[in-house]
Amino acid sequence: MKLFVIICILFFQPSLHGQTQEYFPAFDYTVRDILSNCHVKSVSAMTTKVDSVIPAAWEKKYRKEFDKDGRITEIMFYSLSGPVNPIRYHYNRDGKLIRKTTRLDTVTYKYYFDGDLYEEDSWNGIILNRSSYFYNKPNQIQYIRHSTIRYDQLDTTGMNKACFYYDKDDRLIHEMHISLRDTTYQCWYKYDGQNNLIEKRSKWSYLPDTSTTKLEYDSKNRIIRWLSLSKTGVPTTIITWEYDSSGLIMSRYDEKFTIITSKYKTKYEYEYYK
């Protein structure tokens, strides 16, 4: 669907404000890059590399459209030459997502009578992946079963499973991803007294170290700072956010500390329903 080959791992984004959000694969916001209130018709985001001599030479832009019920209907990405490969979302009469389409890729969603979800991903008419999402209660994913039908010219197939565990307050505290019989990836989560996620630790089985991410909030429980830390506790990425008076994100600032420090600024512009 997007950010992954082990497809289930990066689908899931825990809520950064309050309870764990409903697991819904189509809503791929990264760290609340938009607050999707129903009065927002669209949001446009422009990311510029601010430490470049010519900032305009490096730009990323996208636009997200919403219907009057606050459901996302389209994401349009832009290159220097114009719009490219929009993602469109389609819903049934009950407001449930049933299909996500691009120019070549189609993801369909079907719902079981008990609320569980079935997903099928196809490319140019060829089915590539099938996934089933099982819930132990509304808005609380219990596990995902994913099957790769084919992902290369040799028709290689595979299967993996993701399991999610919660505390007594229904907050996600541990997720575990299993390929065949081996655990490949794990995450552990911590929260503050306001149910805001404040720490995420993750571990790939083939890497020796555990990655740590810490999050900070303002007095209104809005995320204002995200820090990815090295094994020695030194930040490798710092992200900060600024909000307007209504709580919508107006800007995001990224600093990435590798061999060369890179800095990016994203500005958001909103259009509203009258």
C-alpha atoms as a PDB file:
ATOM      1  CA  MET A   1       0.000   0.000   0.000  1.00  0.00           C
ATOM      2  CA  LYS A   2       2.831   2.381   0.633  1.00  0.00           C
ATOM      3  CA  LEU A   3       5.615   2.562   3.183  1.00  0.00           C
ATOM      4  CA  PHE A   4       6.530  -1.063   3.433  1.00  0.00           C
ATOM      5  CA  VAL A   5       7.381  -4.430   2.017  1.00  0.00           C
ATOM      6  CA  ILE A   6       6.531  -6.105   5.290  1.00  0.00           C
ATOM      7  CA  ILE A   7       3.237  -4.439   4.724  1.00  0.00           C
ATOM      8  CA  CYS A   8       1.666  -4.557   8.148  1.00  0.00           C
ATOM      9  CA  ILE A   9       4.542  -3.024  10.063  1.00  0.00           C
ATOM     10  CA  LEU A  10       4.308   0.529   8.900  1.00  0.00           C
ATOM     11  CA  PHE A  11       0.554   0.665   8.328  1.00  0.00           C
ATOM     12  CA  PHE A  12      -0.101   1.176  11.978  1.00  0.00           C
ATOM     13  CA  GLN A  13       0.270   4.607  13.548  1.00  0.00           C
ATOM     14  CA  PRO A  14      -0.715   4.968  17.202  1.00  0.00           C
ATOM     15  CA  SER A  15      -2.610   8.089  18.067  1.00  0.00           C
ATOM     16  CA  LEU A  16      -0.436  10.858  19.415  1.00  0.00           C
ATOM     17  CA  HIS A  17      -3.337  12.414  21.250  1.00  0.00           C
ATOM     18  CA  GLY A  18      -5.548  10.409  23.539  1.00  0.00           C
ATOM     19  CA  GLN A  19      -6.560   6.818  22.935  1.00  0.00           C
ATOM     20  CA  THR A  20      -5.109   4.655  20.223  1.00  0.00           C
ATOM     21  CA  GLN A  21      -6.824   5.640  17.005  1.00  0.00           C
ATOM     22  CA  GLU A  22      -9.034   3.283  15.070  1.00  0.00           C
ATOM     23  CA  TYR A  23      -6.826   1.086  12.946  1.00  0.00           C
ATOM     24  CA  PHE A  24      -7.690   2.134   9.421  1.00  0.00           C
ATOM     25  CA  PRO A  25      -5.078   1.340   6.779  1.00  0.00           C
ATOM     26  CA  ALA A  26      -6.064   4.070   4.334  1.00  0.00           C
ATOM     27  CA  PHE A  27      -5.384   6.932   6.717  1.00  0.00           C
ATOM     28  CA  ASP A  28      -1.629   7.152   6.447  1.00  0.00           C
ATOM     29  CA  TYR A  29      -0.988  10.416   8.270  1.00  0.00           C
ATOM     30  CA  THR A  30       2.494  10.556   9.734  1.00  0.00           C
ATOM     31  CA  VAL A  31       2.484  11.892  13.268  1.00  0.00           C
ATOM     32  CA  ARG A  32      -0.701  13.910  12.897  1.00  0.00           C
ATOM     33  CA  ASP A  33       0.512  16.029  10.000  1.00  0.00           C
ATOM     34  CA  ILE A  34      -3.067  17.309   9.786  1.00  0.00           C
ATOM     35  CA  LEU A  35      -5.901  17.618  12.257  1.00  0.00           C
ATOM     36  CA  SER A  36      -8.794  16.365  10.107  1.00  0.00           C
ATOM     37  CA  ASN A  37     -11.771  18.330  11.395  1.00  0.00           C
ATOM     38  CA  CYS A  38     -14.922  18.074   9.316  1.00  0.00           C
ATOM     39  CA  HIS A  39     -14.870  21.786   8.442  1.00  0.00           C
ATOM     40  CA  VAL A  40     -11.548  21.411   6.615  1.00  0.00           C
ATOM     41  CA  LYS A  41     -12.094  21.007   2.871  1.00  0.00           C
ATOM     42  CA  SER A  42      -8.438  20.618   1.945  1.00  0.00           C
ATOM     43  CA  VAL A  43      -4.904  21.091   3.196  1.00  0.00           C
ATOM     44  CA  SER A  44      -1.874  21.859   1.049  1.00  0.00           C
ATOM     45  CA  ALA A  45       1.621  21.203   2.356  1.00  0.00           C
ATOM     46  CA  MET A  46       4.886  22.469   0.918  1.00  0.00           C
ATOM     47  CA  THR A  47       8.194  21.116   2.230  1.00  0.00           C
ATOM     48  CA  THR A  48      11.365  23.065   1.461  1.00  0.00           C
ATOM     49  CA  LYS A  49      14.973  22.189   2.247  1.00  0.00           C
ATOM     50  CA  VAL A  50      15.862  25.314   4.185  1.00  0.00           C
ATOM     51  CA  ASP A  51      19.601  24.690   4.448  1.00  0.00           C
ATOM     52  CA  SER A  52      20.014  24.580   0.669  1.00  0.00           C
ATOM     53  CA  VAL A  53      21.628  27.460  -1.198  1.00  0.00           C
ATOM     54  CA  ILE A  54      18.640  27.374  -3.561  1.00  0.00           C
ATOM     55  CA  PRO A  55      15.683  26.112  -1.447  1.00  0.00           C
ATOM     56  CA  ALA A  56      13.312  25.991  -4.418  1.00  0.00           C
ATOM     57  CA  ALA A  57      15.553  23.351  -6.013  1.00  0.00           C
ATOM     58  CA  TRP A  58      14.287  20.857  -3.418  1.00  0.00           C
ATOM     59  CA  GLU A  59      10.565  20.909  -2.786  1.00  0.00           C
ATOM     60  CA  LYS A  60       7.883  18.400  -1.942  1.00  0.00           C
ATOM     61  CA  LYS A  61       4.223  19.267  -2.138  1.00  0.00           C
ATOM     62  CA  TYR A  62       0.953  17.455  -1.579  1.00  0.00           C
ATOM     63  CA  ARG A  63      -2.701  18.334  -1.186  1.00  0.00           C
ATOM     64  CA  LYS A  64      -5.329  16.395   0.780  1.00  0.00           C
ATOM     65  CA  GLU A  65      -9.047  16.747   0.074  1.00  0.00           C
ATOM     66  CA  PHE A  66     -11.824  15.957   2.581  1.00  0.00           C
ATOM     67  CA  ASP A  67     -15.580  15.608   2.243  1.00  0.00           C
ATOM     68  CA  LYS A  68     -18.012  17.405   4.548  1.00  0.00           C
ATOM     69  CA  ASP A  69     -17.948  14.477   6.974  1.00  0.00           C
ATOM     70  CA  GLY A  70     -14.193  14.828   7.428  1.00  0.00           C
ATOM     71  CA  ARG A  71     -13.292  11.747   5.378  1.00  0.00           C
ATOM     72  CA  ILE A  72     -10.255  11.983   3.157  1.00  0.00           C
ATOM     73  CA  THR A  73     -11.175  11.710  -0.534  1.00  0.00           C
ATOM     74  CA  GLU A  74      -7.948  12.438  -2.395  1.00  0.00           C
ATOM     75  CA  ILE A  75      -4.221  12.952  -1.912  1.00  0.00           C
ATOM     76  CA  MET A  76      -2.417  14.665  -4.776  1.00  0.00           C
ATOM     77  CA  PHE A  77       1.375  14.755  -4.922  1.00  0.00           C
ATOM     78  CA  TYR A  78       3.241  17.309  -7.008  1.00  0.00           C
ATOM     79  CA  SER A  79       6.572  17.274  -8.790  1.00  0.00           C
ATOM     80  CA  LEU A  80       8.288  20.268 -10.353  1.00  0.00           C
ATOM     81  CA  SER A  81       6.386  19.515 -13.570  1.00  0.00           C
ATOM     82  CA  GLY A  82       2.964  19.307 -11.912  1.00  0.00           C
ATOM     83  CA  PRO A  83       0.604  16.786 -10.228  1.00  0.00           C
ATOM     84  CA  VAL A  84       1.510  13.091 -10.256  1.00  0.00           C
ATOM     85  CA  ASN A  85      -0.378   9.882  -9.458  1.00  0.00           C
ATOM     86  CA  PRO A  86      -3.255  10.952  -7.166  1.00  0.00           C
ATOM     87  CA  ILE A  87      -4.581   8.609  -4.486  1.00  0.00           C
ATOM     88  CA  ARG A  88      -8.386   8.519  -4.298  1.00  0.00           C
ATOM     89  CA  TYR A  89     -10.616   7.092  -1.568  1.00  0.00           C
ATOM     90  CA  HIS A  90     -14.115   5.694  -2.131  1.00  0.00           C
ATOM     91  CA  TYR A  91     -16.791   5.014   0.510  1.00  0.00           C
ATOM     92  CA  ASN A  92     -20.061   3.131   0.731  1.00  0.00           C
ATOM     93  CA  ARG A  93     -23.384   4.556   1.913  1.00  0.00           C
ATOM     94  CA  ASP A  94     -22.469   3.785   5.515  1.00  0.00           C
ATOM     95  CA  GLY A  95     -19.337   5.906   5.224  1.00  0.00           C
ATOM     96  CA  LYS A  96     -16.927   2.965   5.295  1.00  0.00           C
ATOM     97  CA  LEU A  97     -13.904   2.940   3.042  1.00  0.00           C
ATOM     98  CA  ILE A  98     -14.317   0.337   0.296  1.00  0.00           C
ATOM     99  CA  ARG A  99     -11.618   1.200  -2.229  1.00  0.00           C
ATOM    100  CA  LYS A 100      -8.378   3.172  -2.613  1.00  0.00           C
ATOM    101  CA  THR A 101      -7.079   3.759  -6.126  1.00  0.00           C
ATOM    102  CA  THR A 102      -4.086   5.159  -7.974  1.00  0.00           C
ATOM    103  CA  ARG A 103      -3.428   5.018 -11.700  1.00  0.00           C
ATOM    104  CA  LEU A 104      -2.218   1.410 -11.489  1.00  0.00           C
ATOM    105  CA  ASP A 105      -2.862   0.204  -7.956  1.00  0.00           C
ATOM    106  CA  THR A 106      -6.219  -0.622  -6.359  1.00  0.00           C
ATOM    107  CA  VAL A 107      -6.803  -1.601  -2.744  1.00  0.00           C
ATOM    108  CA  THR A 108     -10.266  -2.917  -1.889  1.00  0.00           C
ATOM    109  CA  TYR A 109     -11.737  -3.246   1.615  1.00  0.00           C
ATOM    110  CA  LYS A 110     -14.467  -5.633   2.736  1.00  0.00           C
ATOM    111  CA  TYR A 111     -16.019  -5.813   6.186  1.00  0.00           C
ATOM    112  CA  TYR A 112     -17.056  -8.903   8.095  1.00  0.00           C
ATOM    113  CA  PHE A 113     -20.330  -8.900  10.025  1.00  0.00           C
ATOM    114  CA  ASP A 114     -18.385  -8.665  13.314  1.00  0.00           C
ATOM    115  CA  GLY A 115     -16.439  -5.588  12.178  1.00  0.00           C
ATOM    116  CA  ASP A 116     -13.220  -7.268  11.077  1.00  0.00           C
ATOM    117  CA  LEU A 117     -11.656  -6.028   7.861  1.00  0.00           C
ATOM    118  CA  TYR A 118     -10.359  -7.744   4.717  1.00  0.00           C
ATOM    119  CA  GLU A 119      -8.000  -5.965   2.322  1.00  0.00           C
ATOM    120  CA  GLU A 120      -6.834  -6.917  -1.161  1.00  0.00           C
ATOM    121  CA  ASP A 121      -4.085  -5.063  -3.035  1.00  0.00           C
ATOM    122  CA  SER A 122      -3.797  -5.366  -6.814  1.00  0.00           C
ATOM    123  CA  TRP A 123      -1.500  -3.775  -9.368  1.00  0.00           C
ATOM    124  CA  ASN A 124      -2.611  -3.424 -12.981  1.00  0.00           C
ATOM    125  CA  GLY A 125      -5.247  -6.092 -12.376  1.00  0.00           C
ATOM    126  CA  ILE A 126      -2.874  -8.580 -10.680  1.00  0.00           C
ATOM    127  CA  ILE A 127      -3.518  -9.386  -7.014  1.00  0.00           C
ATOM    128  CA  LEU A 128      -0.340  -8.838  -4.995  1.00  0.00           C
ATOM    129  CA  ASN A 129      -1.344  -8.923  -1.330  1.00  0.00           C
ATOM    130  CA  ARG A 130      -4.212  -9.966   0.889  1.00  0.00           C
ATOM    131  CA  SER A 131      -4.583  -8.889   4.507  1.00  0.00           C
ATOM    132  CA  SER A 132      -7.134  -9.578   7.229  1.00  0.00           C
ATOM    133  CA  TYR A 133      -7.528  -7.294  10.262  1.00  0.00           C
ATOM    134  CA  PHE A 134      -9.075  -8.730  13.421  1.00  0.00           C
ATOM    135  CA  TYR A 135     -10.390  -6.643  16.320  1.00  0.00           C
ATOM    136  CA  ASN A 136     -11.041  -7.742  19.898  1.00  0.00           C
ATOM    137  CA  LYS A 137     -13.275  -4.699  20.455  1.00  0.00           C
ATOM    138  CA  PRO A 138     -14.252  -1.628  18.393  1.00  0.00           C
ATOM    139  CA  ASN A 139     -11.250   0.531  17.468  1.00  0.00           C
ATOM    140  CA  GLN A 140      -8.781  -1.958  18.970  1.00  0.00           C
ATOM    141  CA  ILE A 141      -6.845  -4.086  16.500  1.00  0.00           C
ATOM    142  CA  GLN A 142      -5.817  -7.480  17.895  1.00  0.00           C
ATOM    143  CA  TYR A 143      -3.842  -8.965  15.042  1.00  0.00           C
ATOM    144  CA  ILE A 144      -3.264  -8.775  11.302  1.00  0.00           C
ATOM    145  CA  ARG A 145      -2.689 -11.691   8.965  1.00  0.00           C
ATOM    146  CA  HIS A 146      -0.976 -10.738   5.727  1.00  0.00           C
ATOM    147  CA  SER A 147      -0.242 -12.874   2.665  1.00  0.00           C
ATOM    148  CA  THR A 148       2.007 -11.801  -0.187  1.00  0.00           C
ATOM    149  CA  ILE A 149       0.669 -13.420  -3.337  1.00  0.00           C
ATOM    150  CA  ARG A 150       3.563 -12.329  -5.541  1.00  0.00           C
ATOM    151  CA  TYR A 151       6.049  -9.497  -5.372  1.00  0.00           C
ATOM    152  CA  ASP A 152       8.646 -10.292  -8.016  1.00  0.00           C
ATOM    153  CA  GLN A 153       9.033 -11.944 -11.410  1.00  0.00           C
ATOM    154  CA  LEU A 154       9.634 -15.315  -9.733  1.00  0.00           C
ATOM    155  CA  ASP A 155       6.187 -15.247  -8.108  1.00  0.00           C
ATOM    156  CA  THR A 156       7.750 -15.305  -4.647  1.00  0.00           C
ATOM    157  CA  THR A 157       5.144 -15.574  -1.916  1.00  0.00           C
ATOM    158  CA  GLY A 158       5.183 -15.010   1.827  1.00  0.00           C
ATOM    159  CA  MET A 159       3.050 -14.670   4.936  1.00  0.00           C
ATOM    160  CA  ASN A 160       3.378 -12.708   8.134  1.00  0.00           C
ATOM    161  CA  LYS A 161       1.331 -11.768  11.154  1.00  0.00           C
ATOM    162  CA  ALA A 162       1.204  -8.752  13.451  1.00  0.00           C
ATOM    163  CA  CYS A 163      -0.096  -8.965  17.028  1.00  0.00           C
ATOM    164  CA  PHE A 164      -1.080  -6.034  19.270  1.00  0.00           C
ATOM    165  CA  TYR A 165      -1.287  -5.962  23.072  1.00  0.00           C
ATOM    166  CA  TYR A 166      -2.970  -3.419  25.372  1.00  0.00           C
ATOM    167  CA  ASP A 167      -2.916  -2.373  29.015  1.00  0.00           C
ATOM    168  CA  LYS A 168      -5.924  -2.191  31.359  1.00  0.00           C
ATOM    169  CA  ASP A 169      -6.720   1.286  29.976  1.00  0.00           C
ATOM    170  CA  ASP A 170      -6.932  -0.084  26.403  1.00  0.00           C
ATOM    171  CA  ARG A 171      -3.715   1.646  25.361  1.00  0.00           C
ATOM    172  CA  LEU A 172      -1.434  -0.107  22.900  1.00  0.00           C
ATOM    173  CA  ILE A 173       1.739  -1.106  24.748  1.00  0.00           C
ATOM    174  CA  HIS A 174       3.335  -3.779  22.544  1.00  0.00           C
ATOM    175  CA  GLU A 175       3.182  -4.874  18.929  1.00  0.00           C
ATOM    176  CA  MET A 176       4.954  -7.874  17.478  1.00  0.00           C
ATOM    177  CA  HIS A 177       5.449  -8.879  13.841  1.00  0.00           C
ATOM    178  CA  ILE A 178       6.069 -12.473  12.879  1.00  0.00           C
ATOM    179  CA  SER A 179       7.238 -13.803   9.511  1.00  0.00           C
ATOM    180  CA  LEU A 180       6.607 -17.527   9.253  1.00  0.00           C
ATOM    181  CA  ARG A 181       7.682 -18.530  12.796  1.00  0.00           C
ATOM    182  CA  ASP A 182      10.270 -15.842  13.471  1.00  0.00           C
ATOM    183  CA  THR A 183       9.656 -12.532  15.234  1.00  0.00           C
ATOM    184  CA  THR A 184      11.052  -9.889  12.889  1.00  0.00           C
ATOM    185  CA  TYR A 185      10.008  -6.606  14.498  1.00  0.00           C
ATOM    186  CA  GLN A 186       8.686  -5.382  17.847  1.00  0.00           C
ATOM    187  CA  CYS A 187       7.529  -2.059  19.333  1.00  0.00           C
ATOM    188  CA  TRP A 188       6.854  -0.977  22.916  1.00  0.00           C
ATOM    189  CA  TYR A 189       4.856   2.142  23.838  1.00  0.00           C
ATOM    190  CA  LYS A 190       4.639   4.376  26.934  1.00  0.00           C
ATOM    191  CA  TYR A 191       2.051   7.066  27.761  1.00  0.00           C
ATOM    192  CA  ASP A 192       1.686  10.009  30.109  1.00  0.00           C
ATOM    193  CA  GLY A 193      -1.214  10.692  32.481  1.00  0.00           C
ATOM    194  CA  GLN A 194      -3.199  12.286  29.633  1.00  0.00           C
ATOM    195  CA  ASN A 195      -2.913   9.120  27.486  1.00  0.00           C
ATOM    196  CA  ASN A 196      -0.486  10.824  25.111  1.00  0.00           C
ATOM    197  CA  LEU A 197       2.149   8.569  23.588  1.00  0.00           C
ATOM    198  CA  ILE A 198       5.495   9.751  24.989  1.00  0.00           C
ATOM    199  CA  GLU A 199       7.899   6.973  24.036  1.00  0.00           C
ATOM    200  CA  LYS A 200       8.223   4.310  21.374  1.00  0.00           C
ATOM    201  CA  ARG A 201      10.980   1.700  21.362  1.00  0.00           C
ATOM    202  CA  SER A 202      11.381  -0.543  18.328  1.00  0.00           C
ATOM    203  CA  LYS A 203      13.649  -3.463  17.480  1.00  0.00           C
ATOM    204  CA  TRP A 204      14.333  -5.288  14.208  1.00  0.00           C
ATOM    205  CA  SER A 205      15.561  -8.835  14.708  1.00  0.00           C
ATOM    206  CA  TYR A 206      18.477  -8.381  12.306  1.00  0.00           C
ATOM    207  CA  LEU A 207      19.756  -5.207  14.014  1.00  0.00           C
ATOM    208  CA  PRO A 208      21.643  -5.235  17.341  1.00  0.00           C
ATOM    209  CA  ASP A 209      20.214  -2.022  18.786  1.00  0.00           C
ATOM    210  CA  THR A 210      16.789  -0.813  19.864  1.00  0.00           C
ATOM    211  CA  SER A 211      15.551   2.477  18.365  1.00  0.00           C
ATOM    212  CA  THR A 212      13.928   4.993  20.696  1.00  0.00           C
ATOM    213  CA  THR A 213      11.544   7.831  19.846  1.00  0.00           C
ATOM    214  CA  LYS A 214      10.339  10.368  22.419  1.00  0.00           C
ATOM    215  CA  LEU A 215       7.422  12.789  22.031  1.00  0.00           C
ATOM    216  CA  GLU A 216       6.567  16.015  23.844  1.00  0.00           C
ATOM    217  CA  TYR A 217       3.244  17.899  24.105  1.00  0.00           C
ATOM    218  CA  ASP A 218       1.987  21.342  25.029  1.00  0.00           C
ATOM    219  CA  SER A 219      -0.607  22.139  27.703  1.00  0.00           C
ATOM    220  CA  LYS A 220      -3.392  21.355  25.199  1.00  0.00           C
ATOM    221  CA  ASN A 221      -2.034  17.842  24.544  1.00  0.00           C
ATOM    222  CA  ARG A 222      -0.826  18.790  21.064  1.00  0.00           C
ATOM    223  CA  ILE A 223       2.388  17.204  19.922  1.00  0.00           C
ATOM    224  CA  ILE A 224       5.130  19.829  19.647  1.00  0.00           C
ATOM    225  CA  ARG A 225       8.345  17.805  19.507  1.00  0.00           C
ATOM    226  CA  TRP A 226       9.443  14.406  18.211  1.00  0.00           C
ATOM    227  CA  LEU A 227      12.946  13.074  18.856  1.00  0.00           C
ATOM    228  CA  SER A 228      14.508   9.968  17.339  1.00  0.00           C
ATOM    229  CA  LEU A 229      17.463   8.950  19.486  1.00  0.00           C
ATOM    230  CA  SER A 230      20.597   6.945  18.807  1.00  0.00           C
ATOM    231  CA  LYS A 231      21.636   4.099  21.116  1.00  0.00           C
ATOM    232  CA  THR A 232      23.682   6.635  23.112  1.00  0.00           C
ATOM    233  CA  GLY A 233      20.674   8.948  23.529  1.00  0.00           C
ATOM    234  CA  VAL A 234      21.832  11.554  21.004  1.00  0.00           C
ATOM    235  CA  PRO A 235      19.037  12.892  18.713  1.00  0.00           C
ATOM    236  CA  THR A 236      19.278  11.784  15.079  1.00  0.00           C
ATOM    237  CA  THR A 237      16.019  13.486  14.047  1.00  0.00           C
ATOM    238  CA  ILE A 238      14.103  16.330  15.696  1.00  0.00           C
ATOM    239  CA  ILE A 239      10.658  17.392  14.461  1.00  0.00           C
ATOM    240  CA  THR A 240       8.745  20.363  15.885  1.00  0.00           C
ATOM    241  CA  TRP A 241       5.240  21.685  15.146  1.00  0.00           C
ATOM    242  CA  GLU A 242       3.457  25.032  15.407  1.00  0.00           C
ATOM    243  CA  TYR A 243      -0.340  25.469  15.614  1.00  0.00           C
ATOM    244  CA  ASP A 244      -2.857  28.216  14.997  1.00  0.00           C
ATOM    245  CA  SER A 245      -5.488  29.292  17.537  1.00  0.00           C
ATOM    246  CA  SER A 246      -7.948  26.618  16.347  1.00  0.00           C
ATOM    247  CA  GLY A 247      -5.446  23.791  16.794  1.00  0.00           C
ATOM    248  CA  LEU A 248      -4.556  23.189  13.150  1.00  0.00           C
ATOM    249  CA  ILE A 249      -0.911  22.593  12.342  1.00  0.00           C
ATOM    250  CA  MET A 250       0.575  25.571  10.504  1.00  0.00           C
ATOM    251  CA  SER A 251       4.200  24.487  10.176  1.00  0.00           C
ATOM    252  CA  ARG A 252       6.528  21.582  10.783  1.00  0.00           C
ATOM    253  CA  TYR A 253      10.298  21.774  11.078  1.00  0.00           C
ATOM    254  CA  ASP A 254      12.552  18.711  10.549  1.00  0.00           C
ATOM    255  CA  GLU A 255      16.221  18.429  11.443  1.00  0.00           C
ATOM    256  CA  LYS A 256      18.086  15.255  10.486  1.00  0.00           C
ATOM    257  CA  PHE A 257      21.532  14.722  11.946  1.00  0.00           C
ATOM    258  CA  THR A 258      23.577  12.270   9.911  1.00  0.00           C
ATOM    259  CA  ILE A 259      26.996  12.834   8.372  1.00  0.00           C
ATOM    260  CA  ILE A 260      25.508  16.025   6.940  1.00  0.00           C
ATOM    261  CA  THR A 261      22.787  17.893   8.848  1.00  0.00           C
ATOM    262  CA  SER A 262      19.643  18.466   6.767  1.00  0.00           C
ATOM    263  CA  LYS A 263      16.843  20.887   7.654  1.00  0.00           C
ATOM    264  CA  TYR A 264      13.336  21.019   6.187  1.00  0.00           C
ATOM    265  CA  LYS A 265      10.317  23.230   6.798  1.00  0.00           C
ATOM    266  CA  THR A 266       6.742  22.344   5.877  1.00  0.00           C
ATOM    267  CA  LYS A 267       4.017  24.986   5.696  1.00  0.00           C
ATOM    268  CA  TYR A 268       0.311  24.102   5.675  1.00  0.00           C
ATOM    269  CA  GLU A 269      -2.532  26.034   4.074  1.00  0.00           C
ATOM    270  CA  TYR A 270      -6.196  25.158   4.638  1.00  0.00           C
ATOM    271  CA  GLU A 271      -9.408  25.616   2.698  1.00  0.00           C
ATOM    272  CA  TYR A 272     -12.680  25.387   4.612  1.00  0.00           C
ATOM    273  CA  TYR A 273     -16.276  24.490   3.867  1.00  0.00           C
ATOM    274  CA  LYS A 274     -18.578  27.486   4.181  1.00  0.00           C
END
